Protein backbone atom coordinates (compact mmCIF):
# COMPACT_ATOMS: atom_id res chain seq x y z
CA MET A 1 61.24 -12.66 -2.72
CA ASP A 2 60.92 -14.64 -5.81
CA THR A 3 58.52 -13.75 -8.60
CA THR A 4 55.81 -16.18 -7.48
CA GLN A 5 55.52 -14.60 -4.05
CA LEU A 6 55.57 -11.12 -5.54
CA LEU A 7 52.88 -12.04 -8.05
CA LEU A 8 50.69 -13.60 -5.34
CA THR A 9 51.10 -10.53 -3.14
CA VAL A 10 50.14 -8.19 -5.99
CA VAL A 11 47.13 -10.32 -6.95
CA LEU A 12 46.01 -10.55 -3.33
CA THR A 13 46.37 -6.78 -2.89
CA VAL A 14 44.44 -6.00 -6.07
CA THR A 15 41.73 -8.51 -5.12
CA THR A 16 41.43 -6.99 -1.64
CA ILE A 17 41.14 -3.47 -3.06
CA LEU A 18 38.48 -4.60 -5.55
CA LEU A 19 36.48 -6.35 -2.83
CA VAL A 20 36.63 -3.24 -0.64
CA VAL A 21 35.36 -1.11 -3.54
CA VAL A 22 32.58 -3.63 -4.25
CA GLY A 23 31.65 -3.63 -0.55
CA ILE A 24 31.43 0.17 -0.47
CA GLN A 25 29.27 0.17 -3.61
CA LEU A 26 27.05 -2.48 -2.04
CA ILE A 27 26.57 -0.26 1.01
CA PHE A 28 25.51 2.63 -1.26
CA VAL A 29 23.09 0.40 -3.16
CA LEU A 30 21.55 -0.88 0.08
CA LYS A 31 21.13 2.69 1.37
CA GLU A 32 19.40 3.67 -1.87
CA LEU A 33 17.20 0.58 -1.67
CA ARG A 34 16.23 1.48 1.90
CA LYS A 35 15.33 5.02 0.82
CA THR A 36 13.25 3.68 -2.08
CA LEU A 37 11.44 1.20 0.14
CA LYS A 38 10.57 3.96 2.61
CA THR A 39 9.10 6.00 -0.25
CA VAL A 40 7.13 3.03 -1.54
CA ASN A 41 5.89 2.33 1.98
CA GLY A 42 4.66 5.92 2.27
CA ILE A 43 2.84 5.65 -1.05
CA ILE A 44 1.20 2.38 0.02
CA GLU A 45 0.08 3.94 3.31
CA ASN A 46 -1.50 6.83 1.39
CA PHE A 47 -3.33 4.41 -0.89
CA GLU A 48 -4.53 2.52 2.17
CA LYS A 49 -5.90 5.74 3.68
CA VAL A 50 -7.70 6.53 0.42
CA GLY A 51 -9.10 2.99 0.30
CA VAL A 52 -10.40 3.19 3.87
CA SER A 53 -11.94 6.58 3.11
CA VAL A 54 -13.68 5.24 0.01
CA GLU A 55 -14.88 2.18 1.93
CA HIS A 56 -16.27 4.40 4.69
CA SER A 57 -18.01 6.62 2.13
CA LEU A 58 -19.54 3.62 0.40
CA SER A 59 -20.84 2.25 3.69
CA GLU A 60 -22.43 5.63 4.43
CA VAL A 61 -24.05 5.72 0.99
CA THR A 62 -25.31 2.17 1.51
CA GLY A 63 -26.78 3.16 4.87
CA PHE A 64 -28.45 6.19 3.30
CA VAL A 65 -29.97 4.09 0.51
CA SER A 66 -31.15 1.53 3.06
CA GLY A 67 -32.81 4.33 5.04
CA LEU A 68 -34.51 5.61 1.89
CA LYS A 69 -35.82 2.10 1.14
CA THR A 70 -37.23 1.88 4.66
CA ILE A 71 -38.92 5.27 4.31
CA PHE A 72 -40.45 4.25 0.98
CA LYS A 73 -41.68 0.98 2.51
CA VAL A 74 -43.31 2.89 5.38
CA ILE A 75 -44.91 5.34 2.93
CA ASP A 76 -46.13 2.44 0.78
CA LEU A 77 -47.53 0.68 3.86
CA ILE A 78 -49.35 3.84 4.98
CA HIS A 79 -50.64 4.37 1.43
CA THR A 80 -51.95 0.79 1.17
CA LYS A 81 -53.66 1.06 4.58
CA LYS A 82 -55.25 4.36 3.53
CA ASN A 83 -56.51 2.78 0.31
CA ALA A 84 -57.84 -0.23 2.21
CA LYS A 85 -59.77 2.04 4.64
CA SER A 86 -61.21 4.17 1.84
CA LYS A 87 -62.37 1.06 -0.07
CA SER A 88 -64.13 -0.41 2.97
């Protein structure tokens, strides 16, 4: 083997080893990214549950307030009819 072939073989071997190391590191990074995305997904699901709970609570409060308004309207209507009868 002359020096050119030897040099090319050494460079090719070193390049192959470096690419294998980079590939292994890439696999580790992708595993870590997957783990992080699962954690973020869990956090987002929890926030979604809290949001739905708050939305449900607000709709219940709105329904309660609407019921109170209806009761006050009925009381006001009865009161105005009573006043109209007593004035006549």
